[in-house]
Amino acid sequence: MYRQGDILIVPVAEDAVPASVRALPPAARDGRGRMVLALGEATGHAHALTAPGELRRDPNPLAPDHLWLPSGGRLAHEEHAAISLPKGWYRVIRQREYVPGAVRVVAD
């Protein structure tokens, strides 16, 4: 299990990845070719990887995303130490917060 700021990354066995996740199209990379797991709205800082692989983003913002890294990767962020991830599948969970009447993803 890995944590970088408000992002939690949990390894998932390949046979445990739901078919509905595999059916999702890969998320587009940003202009720098990175897979952006989360982007800070105020700072523009990003939890991002530059590695072969795919990010499968669930359309529900409160549902976890899934990341596939066939040869591993390095998660970087402007304010946190980089994290090396071995090859495999991962569940990507963004921190949530309660506000009166709703639950939402934490925004930087």
C-alpha atoms as a PDB file:
ATOM      1  CA  MET A   1       0.000   0.000   0.000  1.00  0.00           C
ATOM      2  CA  TYR A   2       1.344   3.433  -0.907  1.00  0.00           C
ATOM      3  CA  ARG A   3       0.264   6.940   0.028  1.00  0.00           C
ATOM      4  CA  GLN A   4       1.273  10.262  -1.493  1.00  0.00           C
ATOM      5  CA  GLY A   5      -0.626  13.197   0.009  1.00  0.00           C
ATOM      6  CA  ASP A   6      -4.347  12.666  -0.539  1.00  0.00           C
ATOM      7  CA  ILE A   7      -3.822   9.661  -2.850  1.00  0.00           C
ATOM      8  CA  LEU A   8      -3.857   6.058  -1.578  1.00  0.00           C
ATOM      9  CA  ILE A   9      -2.605   3.348  -3.970  1.00  0.00           C
ATOM     10  CA  VAL A  10      -3.436  -0.260  -3.175  1.00  0.00           C
ATOM     11  CA  PRO A  11      -2.009  -3.222  -5.152  1.00  0.00           C
ATOM     12  CA  VAL A  12      -4.698  -5.452  -6.677  1.00  0.00           C
ATOM     13  CA  ALA A  13      -4.262  -9.004  -7.977  1.00  0.00           C
ATOM     14  CA  GLU A  14      -4.798  -9.111 -11.742  1.00  0.00           C
ATOM     15  CA  ASP A  15      -7.647 -11.610 -11.415  1.00  0.00           C
ATOM     16  CA  ALA A  16      -9.373  -9.304  -8.916  1.00  0.00           C
ATOM     17  CA  VAL A  17      -9.681  -6.390 -11.370  1.00  0.00           C
ATOM     18  CA  PRO A  18     -13.404  -6.144 -12.208  1.00  0.00           C
ATOM     19  CA  ALA A  19     -14.460  -6.680 -15.824  1.00  0.00           C
ATOM     20  CA  SER A  20     -16.249  -3.331 -15.665  1.00  0.00           C
ATOM     21  CA  VAL A  21     -12.888  -1.645 -15.000  1.00  0.00           C
ATOM     22  CA  ARG A  22     -11.194  -3.462 -17.885  1.00  0.00           C
ATOM     23  CA  ALA A  23     -14.008  -2.270 -20.178  1.00  0.00           C
ATOM     24  CA  LEU A  24     -13.323   1.402 -19.375  1.00  0.00           C
ATOM     25  CA  PRO A  25     -11.248   3.287 -21.956  1.00  0.00           C
ATOM     26  CA  PRO A  26      -7.797   4.427 -20.805  1.00  0.00           C
ATOM     27  CA  ALA A  27      -7.770   8.011 -19.525  1.00  0.00           C
ATOM     28  CA  ALA A  28      -6.016  10.507 -21.759  1.00  0.00           C
ATOM     29  CA  ARG A  29      -2.517  11.573 -20.759  1.00  0.00           C
ATOM     30  CA  ASP A  30      -1.762  15.231 -20.142  1.00  0.00           C
ATOM     31  CA  GLY A  31       0.264  17.464 -22.469  1.00  0.00           C
ATOM     32  CA  ARG A  32       3.502  16.167 -20.916  1.00  0.00           C
ATOM     33  CA  GLY A  33       2.589  12.523 -21.561  1.00  0.00           C
ATOM     34  CA  ARG A  34       1.835  11.802 -17.910  1.00  0.00           C
ATOM     35  CA  MET A  35      -0.933   9.758 -16.323  1.00  0.00           C
ATOM     36  CA  VAL A  36      -2.364  12.244 -13.829  1.00  0.00           C
ATOM     37  CA  LEU A  37      -3.960  10.556 -10.825  1.00  0.00           C
ATOM     38  CA  ALA A  38      -5.011  13.863  -9.242  1.00  0.00           C
ATOM     39  CA  LEU A  39      -4.518  17.516 -10.124  1.00  0.00           C
ATOM     40  CA  GLY A  40      -4.485  20.305  -7.554  1.00  0.00           C
ATOM     41  CA  GLU A  41      -7.097  22.869  -8.468  1.00  0.00           C
ATOM     42  CA  ALA A  42      -5.404  25.750  -6.652  1.00  0.00           C
ATOM     43  CA  THR A  43      -1.732  24.874  -7.159  1.00  0.00           C
ATOM     44  CA  GLY A  44      -1.724  22.997 -10.473  1.00  0.00           C
ATOM     45  CA  HIS A  45       0.504  20.384  -8.830  1.00  0.00           C
ATOM     46  CA  ALA A  46      -0.162  16.807  -9.905  1.00  0.00           C
ATOM     47  CA  HIS A  47       0.243  13.266  -8.625  1.00  0.00           C
ATOM     48  CA  ALA A  48       1.477  11.864 -11.943  1.00  0.00           C
ATOM     49  CA  LEU A  49       3.379   8.993 -13.547  1.00  0.00           C
ATOM     50  CA  THR A  50       5.465   8.932 -16.701  1.00  0.00           C
ATOM     51  CA  ALA A  51       5.549   5.228 -17.447  1.00  0.00           C
ATOM     52  CA  PRO A  52       4.034   2.662 -19.771  1.00  0.00           C
ATOM     53  CA  GLY A  53       0.551   1.722 -18.634  1.00  0.00           C
ATOM     54  CA  GLU A  54      -3.002   2.876 -18.409  1.00  0.00           C
ATOM     55  CA  LEU A  55      -5.237   4.701 -15.971  1.00  0.00           C
ATOM     56  CA  ARG A  56      -8.850   3.526 -15.969  1.00  0.00           C
ATOM     57  CA  ARG A  57     -10.916   6.343 -14.511  1.00  0.00           C
ATOM     58  CA  ASP A  58     -14.375   5.540 -13.154  1.00  0.00           C
ATOM     59  CA  PRO A  59     -16.969   8.155 -14.200  1.00  0.00           C
ATOM     60  CA  ASN A  60     -18.176   8.299 -10.565  1.00  0.00           C
ATOM     61  CA  PRO A  61     -15.766  10.742  -8.847  1.00  0.00           C
ATOM     62  CA  LEU A  62     -16.178   8.906  -5.510  1.00  0.00           C
ATOM     63  CA  ALA A  63     -15.328   5.473  -6.979  1.00  0.00           C
ATOM     64  CA  PRO A  64     -11.697   4.338  -7.077  1.00  0.00           C
ATOM     65  CA  ASP A  65      -9.726   4.507 -10.313  1.00  0.00           C
ATOM     66  CA  HIS A  66      -7.472   1.665 -11.453  1.00  0.00           C
ATOM     67  CA  LEU A  67      -3.908   1.866 -12.693  1.00  0.00           C
ATOM     68  CA  TRP A  68      -2.074  -0.746 -14.736  1.00  0.00           C
ATOM     69  CA  LEU A  69       1.725  -0.594 -14.864  1.00  0.00           C
ATOM     70  CA  PRO A  70       3.164  -3.413 -17.041  1.00  0.00           C
ATOM     71  CA  SER A  71       6.748  -2.541 -16.098  1.00  0.00           C
ATOM     72  CA  GLY A  72       6.362  -0.417 -12.967  1.00  0.00           C
ATOM     73  CA  GLY A  73       6.572   3.354 -12.668  1.00  0.00           C
ATOM     74  CA  ARG A  74       7.500   6.306 -10.536  1.00  0.00           C
ATOM     75  CA  LEU A  75       4.804   8.484  -8.982  1.00  0.00           C
ATOM     76  CA  ALA A  76       5.914  12.102  -8.700  1.00  0.00           C
ATOM     77  CA  HIS A  77       4.486  15.271  -7.155  1.00  0.00           C
ATOM     78  CA  GLU A  78       5.953  18.732  -6.735  1.00  0.00           C
ATOM     79  CA  GLU A  79       5.629  18.689  -2.907  1.00  0.00           C
ATOM     80  CA  HIS A  80       6.042  15.009  -2.017  1.00  0.00           C
ATOM     81  CA  ALA A  81       8.807  12.444  -2.325  1.00  0.00           C
ATOM     82  CA  ALA A  82       8.572  10.242  -5.427  1.00  0.00           C
ATOM     83  CA  ILE A  83       7.344   6.676  -4.973  1.00  0.00           C
ATOM     84  CA  SER A  84       8.510   3.735  -7.096  1.00  0.00           C
ATOM     85  CA  LEU A  85       5.696   1.317  -7.920  1.00  0.00           C
ATOM     86  CA  PRO A  86       6.399  -2.252  -9.056  1.00  0.00           C
ATOM     87  CA  LYS A  87       4.601  -3.626 -12.086  1.00  0.00           C
ATOM     88  CA  GLY A  88       0.979  -4.620 -11.577  1.00  0.00           C
ATOM     89  CA  TRP A  89      -2.552  -3.376 -11.090  1.00  0.00           C
ATOM     90  CA  TYR A  90      -3.482  -0.797  -8.455  1.00  0.00           C
ATOM     91  CA  ARG A  91      -6.650   0.700  -7.024  1.00  0.00           C
ATOM     92  CA  VAL A  92      -6.285   4.494  -6.734  1.00  0.00           C
ATOM     93  CA  ILE A  93      -8.357   6.063  -3.967  1.00  0.00           C
ATOM     94  CA  ARG A  94      -8.617   9.814  -3.464  1.00  0.00           C
ATOM     95  CA  GLN A  95      -9.172  11.147   0.035  1.00  0.00           C
ATOM     96  CA  ARG A  96     -12.738  12.241   0.704  1.00  0.00           C
ATOM     97  CA  GLU A  97     -14.229  14.706   3.127  1.00  0.00           C
ATOM     98  CA  TYR A  98     -17.649  15.281   4.573  1.00  0.00           C
ATOM     99  CA  VAL A  99     -19.308  18.633   4.107  1.00  0.00           C
ATOM    100  CA  PRO A 100     -22.822  19.191   5.429  1.00  0.00           C
ATOM    101  CA  GLY A 101     -25.135  17.203   3.193  1.00  0.00           C
ATOM    102  CA  ALA A 102     -22.498  15.582   0.993  1.00  0.00           C
ATOM    103  CA  VAL A 103     -19.258  13.633   0.666  1.00  0.00           C
ATOM    104  CA  ARG A 104     -16.724  14.942  -1.827  1.00  0.00           C
ATOM    105  CA  VAL A 105     -13.187  14.324  -3.028  1.00  0.00           C
ATOM    106  CA  VAL A 106     -10.633  16.517  -1.274  1.00  0.00           C
ATOM    107  CA  ALA A 107      -9.437  19.356  -3.489  1.00  0.00           C
ATOM    108  CA  ASP A 108      -6.022  21.017  -3.090  1.00  0.00           C
END
